Full PDB file with SEQRES, HELIX, SHEET, SSBOND, CRYST1, ORIGX, SCALE, CONECT and MASTER records, all heavy atoms in Angstrom:
SEQRES   1 A   44  PRO ASN GLN LYS ASP ASP ASN VAL ILE PRO ALA VAL SER          
SEQRES   2 A   44  GLU ILE PRO SER LEU LEU THR SER PHE ARG HIS PRO ARG          
SEQRES   3 A   44  ARG SER ARG SER VAL SER VAL GLY PRO GLN SER GLU ALA          
SEQRES   4 A   44  ASP ALA TYR GLU THR                                          
HELIX    1 AA1 VAL A   12  GLU A   14  5                                   3    
HELIX    2 AA2 ILE A   15  ARG A   23  1                                   9    
HELIX    3 AA3 PRO A   25  SER A   28  1                                   4    
HELIX    4 AA4 GLU A   38  GLU A   43  1                                   6    
CRYST1    1.000    1.000    1.000  90.00  90.00  90.00 P 1           1          
ORIGX1      1.000000  0.000000  0.000000        0.00000                         
ORIGX2      0.000000  1.000000  0.000000        0.00000                         
ORIGX3      0.000000  0.000000  1.000000        0.00000                         
SCALE1      1.000000  0.000000  0.000000        0.00000                         
SCALE2      0.000000  1.000000  0.000000        0.00000                         
SCALE3      0.000000  0.000000  1.000000        0.00000                         
ATOM      1  N   PRO A   1      91.920  45.501 107.751  1.00  0.00           N  
ATOM      2  CA  PRO A   1      90.887  46.196 106.970  1.00  0.00           C  
ATOM      3  C   PRO A   1      89.868  46.867 107.859  1.00  0.00           C  
ATOM      4  O   PRO A   1      89.710  46.527 109.044  1.00  0.00           O  
ATOM      5  CB  PRO A   1      90.250  45.065 106.162  1.00  0.00           C  
ATOM      6  CG  PRO A   1      90.464  43.839 106.988  1.00  0.00           C  
ATOM      7  CD  PRO A   1      91.792  44.040 107.667  1.00  0.00           C  
ATOM      8  N   ASN A   2      89.165  47.820 107.294  1.00  0.00           N  
ATOM      9  CA  ASN A   2      88.106  48.511 108.013  1.00  0.00           C  
ATOM     10  C   ASN A   2      86.888  47.600 108.069  1.00  0.00           C  
ATOM     11  O   ASN A   2      86.325  47.231 107.045  1.00  0.00           O  
ATOM     12  CB  ASN A   2      87.751  49.824 107.302  1.00  0.00           C  
ATOM     13  CG  ASN A   2      86.730  50.630 108.073  1.00  0.00           C  
ATOM     14  OD1 ASN A   2      86.588  50.463 109.275  1.00  0.00           O  
ATOM     15  ND2 ASN A   2      86.033  51.507 107.382  1.00  0.00           N  
ATOM     16  N   GLN A   3      86.491  47.203 109.260  1.00  0.00           N  
ATOM     17  CA  GLN A   3      85.357  46.306 109.416  1.00  0.00           C  
ATOM     18  C   GLN A   3      84.711  46.540 110.768  1.00  0.00           C  
ATOM     19  O   GLN A   3      85.321  47.096 111.683  1.00  0.00           O  
ATOM     20  CB  GLN A   3      85.801  44.849 109.315  1.00  0.00           C  
ATOM     21  CG  GLN A   3      86.846  44.452 110.343  1.00  0.00           C  
ATOM     22  CD  GLN A   3      87.269  43.001 110.219  1.00  0.00           C  
ATOM     23  OE1 GLN A   3      86.638  42.206 109.554  1.00  0.00           O  
ATOM     24  NE2 GLN A   3      88.349  42.645 110.888  1.00  0.00           N  
ATOM     25  N   LYS A   4      83.449  46.128 110.882  1.00  0.00           N  
ATOM     26  CA  LYS A   4      82.748  46.233 112.164  1.00  0.00           C  
ATOM     27  C   LYS A   4      83.334  45.193 113.096  1.00  0.00           C  
ATOM     28  O   LYS A   4      83.251  44.010 112.844  1.00  0.00           O  
ATOM     29  CB  LYS A   4      81.250  46.004 111.993  1.00  0.00           C  
ATOM     30  CG  LYS A   4      80.458  46.189 113.279  1.00  0.00           C  
ATOM     31  CD  LYS A   4      78.988  45.880 113.070  1.00  0.00           C  
ATOM     32  CE  LYS A   4      78.180  46.159 114.344  1.00  0.00           C  
ATOM     33  NZ  LYS A   4      78.687  45.445 115.528  1.00  0.00           N  
ATOM     34  N   ASP A   5      83.922  45.656 114.177  1.00  0.00           N  
ATOM     35  CA  ASP A   5      84.652  44.712 115.012  1.00  0.00           C  
ATOM     36  C   ASP A   5      84.484  44.981 116.492  1.00  0.00           C  
ATOM     37  O   ASP A   5      85.317  44.596 117.288  1.00  0.00           O  
ATOM     38  CB  ASP A   5      86.142  44.754 114.654  1.00  0.00           C  
ATOM     39  CG  ASP A   5      86.757  46.122 114.913  1.00  0.00           C  
ATOM     40  OD1 ASP A   5      85.992  47.066 115.175  1.00  0.00           O  
ATOM     41  OD2 ASP A   5      87.989  46.234 114.862  1.00  0.00           O  
ATOM     42  N   ASP A   6      83.403  45.652 116.871  1.00  0.00           N  
ATOM     43  CA  ASP A   6      83.275  46.003 118.277  1.00  0.00           C  
ATOM     44  C   ASP A   6      81.822  45.898 118.697  1.00  0.00           C  
ATOM     45  O   ASP A   6      80.957  46.558 118.122  1.00  0.00           O  
ATOM     46  CB  ASP A   6      83.786  47.428 118.518  1.00  0.00           C  
ATOM     47  CG  ASP A   6      84.216  47.643 119.952  1.00  0.00           C  
ATOM     48  OD1 ASP A   6      83.606  47.020 120.839  1.00  0.00           O  
ATOM     49  OD2 ASP A   6      85.153  48.422 120.180  1.00  0.00           O  
ATOM     50  N   ASN A   7      81.560  45.056 119.702  1.00  0.00           N  
ATOM     51  CA  ASN A   7      80.201  44.894 120.201  1.00  0.00           C  
ATOM     52  C   ASN A   7      79.944  45.713 121.458  1.00  0.00           C  
ATOM     53  O   ASN A   7      78.872  45.625 122.036  1.00  0.00           O  
ATOM     54  CB  ASN A   7      79.937  43.418 120.520  1.00  0.00           C  
ATOM     55  CG  ASN A   7      80.017  42.549 119.295  1.00  0.00           C  
ATOM     56  OD1 ASN A   7      79.607  42.948 118.216  1.00  0.00           O  
ATOM     57  ND2 ASN A   7      80.572  41.352 119.448  1.00  0.00           N  
ATOM     58  N   VAL A   8      80.927  46.510 121.908  1.00  0.00           N  
ATOM     59  CA  VAL A   8      80.781  47.248 123.157  1.00  0.00           C  
ATOM     60  C   VAL A   8      80.472  48.711 122.872  1.00  0.00           C  
ATOM     61  O   VAL A   8      79.385  49.193 123.173  1.00  0.00           O  
ATOM     62  CB  VAL A   8      82.054  47.105 124.016  1.00  0.00           C  
ATOM     63  CG1 VAL A   8      81.851  47.796 125.360  1.00  0.00           C  
ATOM     64  CG2 VAL A   8      82.382  45.632 124.238  1.00  0.00           C  
ATOM     65  N   ILE A   9      81.421  49.453 122.317  1.00  0.00           N  
ATOM     66  CA  ILE A   9      81.177  50.831 121.913  1.00  0.00           C  
ATOM     67  C   ILE A   9      81.117  50.866 120.390  1.00  0.00           C  
ATOM     68  O   ILE A   9      82.115  50.590 119.729  1.00  0.00           O  
ATOM     69  CB  ILE A   9      82.291  51.769 122.427  1.00  0.00           C  
ATOM     70  CG1 ILE A   9      82.206  51.916 123.944  1.00  0.00           C  
ATOM     71  CG2 ILE A   9      82.171  53.144 121.776  1.00  0.00           C  
ATOM     72  CD1 ILE A   9      81.007  52.700 124.432  1.00  0.00           C  
ATOM     73  N   PRO A  10      79.974  51.209 119.803  1.00  0.00           N  
ATOM     74  CA  PRO A  10      79.876  51.223 118.345  1.00  0.00           C  
ATOM     75  C   PRO A  10      80.612  52.410 117.746  1.00  0.00           C  
ATOM     76  O   PRO A  10      80.905  53.393 118.430  1.00  0.00           O  
ATOM     77  CB  PRO A  10      78.364  51.333 118.107  1.00  0.00           C  
ATOM     78  CG  PRO A  10      77.853  52.058 119.324  1.00  0.00           C  
ATOM     79  CD  PRO A  10      78.713  51.584 120.462  1.00  0.00           C  
ATOM     80  N   ALA A  11      80.917  52.307 116.462  1.00  0.00           N  
ATOM     81  CA  ALA A  11      81.518  53.428 115.755  1.00  0.00           C  
ATOM     82  C   ALA A  11      80.476  54.527 115.567  1.00  0.00           C  
ATOM     83  O   ALA A  11      79.274  54.283 115.599  1.00  0.00           O  
ATOM     84  CB  ALA A  11      82.058  52.958 114.407  1.00  0.00           C  
ATOM     85  N   VAL A  12      80.949  55.765 115.363  1.00  0.00           N  
ATOM     86  CA  VAL A  12      80.045  56.900 115.177  1.00  0.00           C  
ATOM     87  C   VAL A  12      79.135  56.658 113.973  1.00  0.00           C  
ATOM     88  O   VAL A  12      77.948  56.994 113.999  1.00  0.00           O  
ATOM     89  CB  VAL A  12      80.855  58.201 115.000  1.00  0.00           C  
ATOM     90  CG1 VAL A  12      79.934  59.353 114.610  1.00  0.00           C  
ATOM     91  CG2 VAL A  12      81.600  58.536 116.285  1.00  0.00           C  
ATOM     92  N   SER A  13      79.684  56.040 112.935  1.00  0.00           N  
ATOM     93  CA  SER A  13      78.898  55.787 111.729  1.00  0.00           C  
ATOM     94  C   SER A  13      77.751  54.812 111.971  1.00  0.00           C  
ATOM     95  O   SER A  13      76.798  54.753 111.188  1.00  0.00           O  
ATOM     96  CB  SER A  13      79.804  55.248 110.619  1.00  0.00           C  
ATOM     97  OG  SER A  13      80.425  54.038 111.030  1.00  0.00           O  
ATOM     98  N   GLU A  14      77.833  54.037 113.051  1.00  0.00           N  
ATOM     99  CA  GLU A  14      76.802  53.048 113.330  1.00  0.00           C  
ATOM    100  C   GLU A  14      75.678  53.590 114.216  1.00  0.00           C  
ATOM    101  O   GLU A  14      74.656  52.937 114.399  1.00  0.00           O  
ATOM    102  CB  GLU A  14      77.423  51.823 114.013  1.00  0.00           C  
ATOM    103  CG  GLU A  14      78.446  51.106 113.155  1.00  0.00           C  
ATOM    104  CD  GLU A  14      79.220  50.074 113.947  1.00  0.00           C  
ATOM    105  OE1 GLU A  14      78.857  49.829 115.118  1.00  0.00           O  
ATOM    106  OE2 GLU A  14      80.198  49.515 113.433  1.00  0.00           O  
ATOM    107  N   ILE A  15      75.878  54.786 114.776  1.00  0.00           N  
ATOM    108  CA  ILE A  15      74.880  55.333 115.708  1.00  0.00           C  
ATOM    109  C   ILE A  15      73.535  55.554 115.033  1.00  0.00           C  
ATOM    110  O   ILE A  15      72.487  55.214 115.604  1.00  0.00           O  
ATOM    111  CB  ILE A  15      75.411  56.626 116.351  1.00  0.00           C  
ATOM    112  CG1 ILE A  15      76.624  56.300 117.235  1.00  0.00           C  
ATOM    113  CG2 ILE A  15      74.319  57.301 117.176  1.00  0.00           C  
ATOM    114  CD1 ILE A  15      77.263  57.514 117.876  1.00  0.00           C  
ATOM    115  N   PRO A  16      73.458  56.126 113.821  1.00  0.00           N  
ATOM    116  CA  PRO A  16      72.126  56.299 113.194  1.00  0.00           C  
ATOM    117  C   PRO A  16      71.354  54.994 113.045  1.00  0.00           C  
ATOM    118  O   PRO A  16      70.151  54.960 113.280  1.00  0.00           O  
ATOM    119  CB  PRO A  16      72.470  56.917 111.834  1.00  0.00           C  
ATOM    120  CG  PRO A  16      73.770  57.621 112.046  1.00  0.00           C  
ATOM    121  CD  PRO A  16      74.524  56.747 113.009  1.00  0.00           C  
ATOM    122  N   SER A  17      72.048  53.925 112.651  1.00  0.00           N  
ATOM    123  CA  SER A  17      71.347  52.645 112.489  1.00  0.00           C  
ATOM    124  C   SER A  17      70.876  52.111 113.829  1.00  0.00           C  
ATOM    125  O   SER A  17      69.811  51.487 113.920  1.00  0.00           O  
ATOM    126  CB  SER A  17      72.256  51.625 111.801  1.00  0.00           C  
ATOM    127  OG  SER A  17      73.405  51.363 112.584  1.00  0.00           O  
ATOM    128  N   LEU A  18      71.657  52.369 114.900  1.00  0.00           N  
ATOM    129  CA  LEU A  18      71.228  51.932 116.231  1.00  0.00           C  
ATOM    130  C   LEU A  18      69.977  52.684 116.665  1.00  0.00           C  
ATOM    131  O   LEU A  18      69.035  52.097 117.205  1.00  0.00           O  
ATOM    132  CB  LEU A  18      72.344  52.157 117.243  1.00  0.00           C  
ATOM    133  CG  LEU A  18      73.563  51.232 117.151  1.00  0.00           C  
ATOM    134  CD1 LEU A  18      74.626  51.658 118.164  1.00  0.00           C  
ATOM    135  CD2 LEU A  18      73.155  49.792 117.407  1.00  0.00           C  
ATOM    136  N   LEU A  19      69.949  53.989 116.423  1.00  0.00           N  
ATOM    137  CA  LEU A  19      68.768  54.771 116.785  1.00  0.00           C  
ATOM    138  C   LEU A  19      67.553  54.328 115.985  1.00  0.00           C  
ATOM    139  O   LEU A  19      66.437  54.255 116.504  1.00  0.00           O  
ATOM    140  CB  LEU A  19      69.048  56.256 116.560  1.00  0.00           C  
ATOM    141  CG  LEU A  19      70.152  56.869 117.433  1.00  0.00           C  
ATOM    142  CD1 LEU A  19      70.378  58.337 117.059  1.00  0.00           C  
ATOM    143  CD2 LEU A  19      69.816  56.743 118.908  1.00  0.00           C  
ATOM    144  N   THR A  20      67.781  54.017 114.708  1.00  0.00           N  
ATOM    145  CA  THR A  20      66.679  53.534 113.877  1.00  0.00           C  
ATOM    146  C   THR A  20      66.129  52.208 114.391  1.00  0.00           C  
ATOM    147  O   THR A  20      64.919  51.981 114.385  1.00  0.00           O  
ATOM    148  CB  THR A  20      67.151  53.367 112.421  1.00  0.00           C  
ATOM    149  OG1 THR A  20      67.615  54.620 111.934  1.00  0.00           O  
ATOM    150  CG2 THR A  20      66.014  52.863 111.539  1.00  0.00           C  
ATOM    151  N   SER A  21      67.019  51.344 114.861  1.00  0.00           N  
ATOM    152  CA  SER A  21      66.579  50.045 115.361  1.00  0.00           C  
ATOM    153  C   SER A  21      65.703  50.184 116.596  1.00  0.00           C  
ATOM    154  O   SER A  21      64.786  49.397 116.804  1.00  0.00           O  
ATOM    155  CB  SER A  21      67.786  49.164 115.671  1.00  0.00           C  
ATOM    156  OG  SER A  21      68.499  49.657 116.789  1.00  0.00           O  
ATOM    157  N   PHE A  22      65.964  51.220 117.415  1.00  0.00           N  
ATOM    158  CA  PHE A  22      65.122  51.422 118.589  1.00  0.00           C  
ATOM    159  C   PHE A  22      63.798  52.075 118.224  1.00  0.00           C  
ATOM    160  O   PHE A  22      62.783  51.854 118.885  1.00  0.00           O  
ATOM    161  CB  PHE A  22      65.860  52.276 119.627  1.00  0.00           C  
ATOM    162  CG  PHE A  22      66.885  51.504 120.404  1.00  0.00           C  
ATOM    163  CD1 PHE A  22      68.234  51.670 120.163  1.00  0.00           C  
ATOM    164  CD2 PHE A  22      66.495  50.590 121.368  1.00  0.00           C  
ATOM    165  CE1 PHE A  22      69.180  50.956 120.868  1.00  0.00           C  
ATOM    166  CE2 PHE A  22      67.432  49.864 122.074  1.00  0.00           C  
ATOM    167  CZ  PHE A  22      68.775  50.049 121.833  1.00  0.00           C  
ATOM    168  N   ARG A  23      63.805  52.871 117.157  1.00  0.00           N  
ATOM    169  CA  ARG A  23      62.537  53.485 116.724  1.00  0.00           C  
ATOM    170  C   ARG A  23      61.626  52.467 116.044  1.00  0.00           C  
ATOM    171  O   ARG A  23      60.411  52.586 116.079  1.00  0.00           O  
ATOM    172  CB  ARG A  23      62.812  54.651 115.765  1.00  0.00           C  
ATOM    173  CG  ARG A  23      63.383  55.879 116.427  1.00  0.00           C  
ATOM    174  CD  ARG A  23      63.203  57.091 115.525  1.00  0.00           C  
ATOM    175  NE  ARG A  23      63.880  56.918 114.245  1.00  0.00           N  
ATOM    176  CZ  ARG A  23      65.129  57.307 113.992  1.00  0.00           C  
ATOM    177  NH1 ARG A  23      65.835  57.877 114.962  1.00  0.00           N  
ATOM    178  NH2 ARG A  23      65.657  57.134 112.804  1.00  0.00           N  
ATOM    179  N   HIS A  24      62.241  51.465 115.416  1.00  0.00           N  
ATOM    180  CA  HIS A  24      61.457  50.448 114.702  1.00  0.00           C  
ATOM    181  C   HIS A  24      61.903  49.063 115.168  1.00  0.00           C  
ATOM    182  O   HIS A  24      62.489  48.296 114.395  1.00  0.00           O  
ATOM    183  CB  HIS A  24      61.653  50.591 113.197  1.00  0.00           C  
ATOM    184  CG  HIS A  24      61.375  51.970 112.681  1.00  0.00           C  
ATOM    185  ND1 HIS A  24      60.097  52.468 112.551  1.00  0.00           N  
ATOM    186  CD2 HIS A  24      62.220  52.961 112.281  1.00  0.00           C  
ATOM    187  CE1 HIS A  24      60.153  53.691 112.070  1.00  0.00           C  
ATOM    188  NE2 HIS A  24      61.432  54.025 111.906  1.00  0.00           N  
ATOM    189  N   PRO A  25      61.619  48.713 116.426  1.00  0.00           N  
ATOM    190  CA  PRO A  25      62.115  47.440 116.963  1.00  0.00           C  
ATOM    191  C   PRO A  25      61.542  46.219 116.266  1.00  0.00           C  
ATOM    192  O   PRO A  25      62.192  45.176 116.201  1.00  0.00           O  
ATOM    193  CB  PRO A  25      61.692  47.498 118.440  1.00  0.00           C  
ATOM    194  CG  PRO A  25      60.525  48.445 118.468  1.00  0.00           C  
ATOM    195  CD  PRO A  25      60.825  49.462 117.412  1.00  0.00           C  
ATOM    196  N   ARG A  26      60.331  46.311 115.747  1.00  0.00           N  
ATOM    197  CA  ARG A  26      59.732  45.146 115.090  1.00  0.00           C  
ATOM    198  C   ARG A  26      60.514  44.774 113.828  1.00  0.00           C  
ATOM    199  O   ARG A  26      60.655  43.597 113.503  1.00  0.00           O  
ATOM    200  CB  ARG A  26      58.260  45.426 114.733  1.00  0.00           C  
ATOM    201  CG  ARG A  26      57.344  45.484 115.942  1.00  0.00           C  
ATOM    202  CD  ARG A  26      55.908  45.776 115.507  1.00  0.00           C  
ATOM    203  NE  ARG A  26      55.030  45.855 116.662  1.00  0.00           N  
ATOM    204  CZ  ARG A  26      54.388  44.829 117.189  1.00  0.00           C  
ATOM    205  NH1 ARG A  26      54.552  43.627 116.668  1.00  0.00           N  
ATOM    206  NH2 ARG A  26      53.596  44.980 118.230  1.00  0.00           N  
ATOM    207  N   ARG A  27      61.012  45.789 113.120  1.00  0.00           N  
ATOM    208  CA  ARG A  27      61.785  45.509 111.921  1.00  0.00           C  
ATOM    209  C   ARG A  27      63.215  45.103 112.257  1.00  0.00           C  
ATOM    210  O   ARG A  27      63.857  44.379 111.501  1.00  0.00           O  
ATOM    211  CB  ARG A  27      61.799  46.741 111.004  1.00  0.00           C  
ATOM    212  CG  ARG A  27      60.442  47.094 110.440  1.00  0.00           C  
ATOM    213  CD  ARG A  27      60.599  47.868 109.139  1.00  0.00           C  
ATOM    214  NE  ARG A  27      61.346  49.105 109.331  1.00  0.00           N  
ATOM    215  CZ  ARG A  27      60.784  50.294 109.483  1.00  0.00           C  
ATOM    216  NH1 ARG A  27      59.462  50.397 109.498  1.00  0.00           N  
ATOM    217  NH2 ARG A  27      61.514  51.364 109.619  1.00  0.00           N  
ATOM    218  N   SER A  28      63.717  45.593 113.392  1.00  0.00           N  
ATOM    219  CA  SER A  28      65.119  45.354 113.727  1.00  0.00           C  
ATOM    220  C   SER A  28      65.348  43.995 114.354  1.00  0.00           C  
ATOM    221  O   SER A  28      66.430  43.432 114.231  1.00  0.00           O  
ATOM    222  CB  SER A  28      65.610  46.451 114.681  1.00  0.00           C  
ATOM    223  OG  SER A  28      65.496  47.720 114.083  1.00  0.00           O  
ATOM    224  N   ARG A  29      64.344  43.479 115.056  1.00  0.00           N  
ATOM    225  CA  ARG A  29      64.550  42.182 115.669  1.00  0.00           C  
ATOM    226  C   ARG A  29      64.503  41.094 114.594  1.00  0.00           C  
ATOM    227  O   ARG A  29      63.887  41.249 113.542  1.00  0.00           O  
ATOM    228  CB  ARG A  29      63.499  41.913 116.744  1.00  0.00           C  
ATOM    229  CG  ARG A  29      62.104  41.653 116.179  1.00  0.00           C  
ATOM    230  CD  ARG A  29      61.175  41.117 117.249  1.00  0.00           C  
ATOM    231  NE  ARG A  29      59.905  40.718 116.676  1.00  0.00           N  
ATOM    232  CZ  ARG A  29      58.772  41.357 116.858  1.00  0.00           C  
ATOM    233  NH1 ARG A  29      58.739  42.443 117.600  1.00  0.00           N  
ATOM    234  NH2 ARG A  29      57.659  40.908 116.299  1.00  0.00           N  
ATOM    235  N   SER A  30      65.164  40.006 114.879  1.00  0.00           N  
ATOM    236  CA  SER A  30      65.157  38.876 113.948  1.00  0.00           C  
ATOM    237  C   SER A  30      64.680  37.642 114.695  1.00  0.00           C  
ATOM    238  O   SER A  30      64.922  37.492 115.895  1.00  0.00           O  
ATOM    239  CB  SER A  30      66.551  38.628 113.379  1.00  0.00           C  
ATOM    240  OG  SER A  30      67.460  38.292 114.407  1.00  0.00           O  
ATOM    241  N   VAL A  31      63.975  36.779 113.985  1.00  0.00           N  
ATOM    242  CA  VAL A  31      63.531  35.498 114.521  1.00  0.00           C  
ATOM    243  C   VAL A  31      64.157  34.421 113.651  1.00  0.00           C  
ATOM    244  O   VAL A  31      63.880  34.335 112.458  1.00  0.00           O  
ATOM    245  CB  VAL A  31      61.995  35.377 114.508  1.00  0.00           C  
ATOM    246  CG1 VAL A  31      61.574  34.050 115.119  1.00  0.00           C  
ATOM    247  CG2 VAL A  31      61.365  36.540 115.263  1.00  0.00           C  
ATOM    248  N   SER A  32      65.011  33.623 114.234  1.00  0.00           N  
ATOM    249  CA  SER A  32      65.753  32.633 113.454  1.00  0.00           C  
ATOM    250  C   SER A  32      65.488  31.235 113.995  1.00  0.00           C  
ATOM    251  O   SER A  32      65.244  31.047 115.188  1.00  0.00           O  
ATOM    252  CB  SER A  32      67.253  32.934 113.492  1.00  0.00           C  
ATOM    253  OG  SER A  32      67.722  32.939 114.819  1.00  0.00           O  
ATOM    254  N   VAL A  33      65.534  30.271 113.096  1.00  0.00           N  
ATOM    255  CA  VAL A  33      65.394  28.871 113.448  1.00  0.00           C  
ATOM    256  C   VAL A  33      66.488  28.101 112.716  1.00  0.00           C  
ATOM    257  O   VAL A  33      66.676  28.277 111.521  1.00  0.00           O  
ATOM    258  CB  VAL A  33      64.009  28.307 113.059  1.00  0.00           C  
ATOM    259  CG1 VAL A  33      63.910  26.833 113.425  1.00  0.00           C  
ATOM    260  CG2 VAL A  33      62.902  29.097 113.727  1.00  0.00           C  
ATOM    261  N   GLY A  34      67.194  27.274 113.434  1.00  0.00           N  
ATOM    262  CA  GLY A  34      68.257  26.492 112.833  1.00  0.00           C  
ATOM    263  C   GLY A  34      69.618  26.903 113.366  1.00  0.00           C  
ATOM    264  O   GLY A  34      69.753  27.889 114.078  1.00  0.00           O  
ATOM    265  N   PRO A  35      70.652  26.139 113.045  1.00  0.00           N  
ATOM    266  CA  PRO A  35      71.998  26.430 113.541  1.00  0.00           C  
ATOM    267  C   PRO A  35      72.471  27.809 113.097  1.00  0.00           C  
ATOM    268  O   PRO A  35      72.282  28.202 111.950  1.00  0.00           O  
ATOM    269  CB  PRO A  35      72.855  25.323 112.904  1.00  0.00           C  
ATOM    270  CG  PRO A  35      71.885  24.227 112.576  1.00  0.00           C  
ATOM    271  CD  PRO A  35      70.611  24.898 112.232  1.00  0.00           C  
ATOM    272  N   GLN A  36      73.073  28.546 114.031  1.00  0.00           N  
ATOM    273  CA  GLN A  36      73.574  29.886 113.734  1.00  0.00           C  
ATOM    274  C   GLN A  36      75.078  30.019 113.961  1.00  0.00           C  
ATOM    275  O   GLN A  36      75.674  30.988 113.516  1.00  0.00           O  
ATOM    276  CB  GLN A  36      72.845  30.922 114.587  1.00  0.00           C  
ATOM    277  CG  GLN A  36      71.371  31.053 114.260  1.00  0.00           C  
ATOM    278  CD  GLN A  36      70.680  32.010 115.206  1.00  0.00           C  
ATOM    279  OE1 GLN A  36      70.209  31.625 116.271  1.00  0.00           O  
ATOM    280  NE2 GLN A  36      70.633  33.267 114.830  1.00  0.00           N  
ATOM    281  N   SER A  37      75.677  29.100 114.686  1.00  0.00           N  
ATOM    282  CA  SER A  37      77.095  29.189 115.000  1.00  0.00           C  
ATOM    283  C   SER A  37      77.720  27.812 114.844  1.00  0.00           C  
ATOM    284  O   SER A  37      77.017  26.810 114.646  1.00  0.00           O  
ATOM    285  CB  SER A  37      77.291  29.678 116.438  1.00  0.00           C  
ATOM    286  OG  SER A  37      76.811  28.709 117.363  1.00  0.00           O  
ATOM    287  N   GLU A  38      79.036  27.758 114.933  1.00  0.00           N  
ATOM    288  CA  GLU A  38      79.717  26.473 114.855  1.00  0.00           C  
ATOM    289  C   GLU A  38      79.266  25.550 115.983  1.00  0.00           C  
ATOM    290  O   GLU A  38      79.077  24.348 115.783  1.00  0.00           O  
ATOM    291  CB  GLU A  38      81.228  26.680 114.919  1.00  0.00           C  
ATOM    292  CG  GLU A  38      81.815  27.317 113.670  1.00  0.00           C  
ATOM    293  CD  GLU A  38      83.325  27.410 113.734  1.00  0.00           C  
ATOM    294  OE1 GLU A  38      83.930  26.697 114.551  1.00  0.00           O  
ATOM    295  OE2 GLU A  38      83.911  28.194 112.976  1.00  0.00           O  
ATOM    296  N   ALA A  39      79.093  26.106 117.176  1.00  0.00           N  
ATOM    297  CA  ALA A  39      78.643  25.284 118.304  1.00  0.00           C  
ATOM    298  C   ALA A  39      77.264  24.691 118.014  1.00  0.00           C  
ATOM    299  O   ALA A  39      76.996  23.524 118.325  1.00  0.00           O  
ATOM    300  CB  ALA A  39      78.608  26.115 119.590  1.00  0.00           C  
ATOM    301  N   ASP A  40      76.370  25.491 117.409  1.00  0.00           N  
ATOM    302  CA  ASP A  40      75.054  24.977 117.016  1.00  0.00           C  
ATOM    303  C   ASP A  40      75.201  23.849 116.002  1.00  0.00           C  
ATOM    304  O   ASP A  40      74.504  22.825 116.071  1.00  0.00           O  
ATOM    305  CB  ASP A  40      74.212  26.089 116.378  1.00  0.00           C  
ATOM    306  CG  ASP A  40      73.696  27.084 117.391  1.00  0.00           C  
ATOM    307  OD1 ASP A  40      73.691  26.764 118.590  1.00  0.00           O  
ATOM    308  OD2 ASP A  40      73.301  28.187 116.978  1.00  0.00           O  
ATOM    309  N   ALA A  41      76.084  24.035 115.041  1.00  0.00           N  
ATOM    310  CA  ALA A  41      76.255  23.038 113.985  1.00  0.00           C  
ATOM    311  C   ALA A  41      76.754  21.715 114.554  1.00  0.00           C  
ATOM    312  O   ALA A  41      76.274  20.644 114.162  1.00  0.00           O  
ATOM    313  CB  ALA A  41      77.229  23.561 112.927  1.00  0.00           C  
ATOM    314  N   TYR A  42      77.691  21.777 115.465  1.00  0.00           N  
ATOM    315  CA  TYR A  42      78.198  20.537 116.058  1.00  0.00           C  
ATOM    316  C   TYR A  42      77.126  19.846 116.890  1.00  0.00           C  
ATOM    317  O   TYR A  42      77.055  18.620 116.946  1.00  0.00           O  
ATOM    318  CB  TYR A  42      79.435  20.828 116.906  1.00  0.00           C  
ATOM    319  CG  TYR A  42      80.630  21.200 116.070  1.00  0.00           C  
ATOM    320  CD1 TYR A  42      81.304  22.392 116.270  1.00  0.00           C  
ATOM    321  CD2 TYR A  42      81.068  20.360 115.058  1.00  0.00           C  
ATOM    322  CE1 TYR A  42      82.384  22.742 115.488  1.00  0.00           C  
ATOM    323  CE2 TYR A  42      82.151  20.702 114.266  1.00  0.00           C  
ATOM    324  CZ  TYR A  42      82.813  21.893 114.485  1.00  0.00           C  
ATOM    325  OH  TYR A  42      83.873  22.229 113.705  1.00  0.00           O  
ATOM    326  N   GLU A  43      76.270  20.632 117.536  1.00  0.00           N  
ATOM    327  CA  GLU A  43      75.148  20.035 118.256  1.00  0.00           C  
ATOM    328  C   GLU A  43      74.206  19.327 117.280  1.00  0.00           C  
ATOM    329  O   GLU A  43      73.672  18.263 117.581  1.00  0.00           O  
ATOM    330  CB  GLU A  43      74.382  21.113 119.023  1.00  0.00           C  
ATOM    331  CG  GLU A  43      74.896  21.362 120.417  1.00  0.00           C  
ATOM    332  CD  GLU A  43      74.770  20.118 121.273  1.00  0.00           C  
ATOM    333  OE1 GLU A  43      73.671  19.843 121.784  1.00  0.00           O  
ATOM    334  OE2 GLU A  43      75.774  19.410 121.432  1.00  0.00           O  
ATOM    335  N   THR A  44      73.982  19.940 116.116  1.00  0.00           N  
ATOM    336  CA  THR A  44      73.136  19.313 115.110  1.00  0.00           C  
ATOM    337  C   THR A  44      73.720  17.986 114.656  1.00  0.00           C  
ATOM    338  O   THR A  44      73.002  16.989 114.501  1.00  0.00           O  
ATOM    339  CB  THR A  44      72.975  20.254 113.903  1.00  0.00           C  
ATOM    340  OG1 THR A  44      72.342  21.455 114.341  1.00  0.00           O  
ATOM    341  CG2 THR A  44      72.137  19.612 112.813  1.00  0.00           C  
TER     342      THR A  44                                                      
MASTER        0    0    0    4    0    0    0    6  341    1    0    4          
END                                                                             
């Protein structure tokens, strides 16, 4: 299926959102607390 699957070179359709994230970094960054991955969960 068509899905976001690349963390190295983004798709052309993703470029506008990347540019927006750099123009508004405060909104684009996330602050999280708690387990986020399976490795985190097993540590918990």
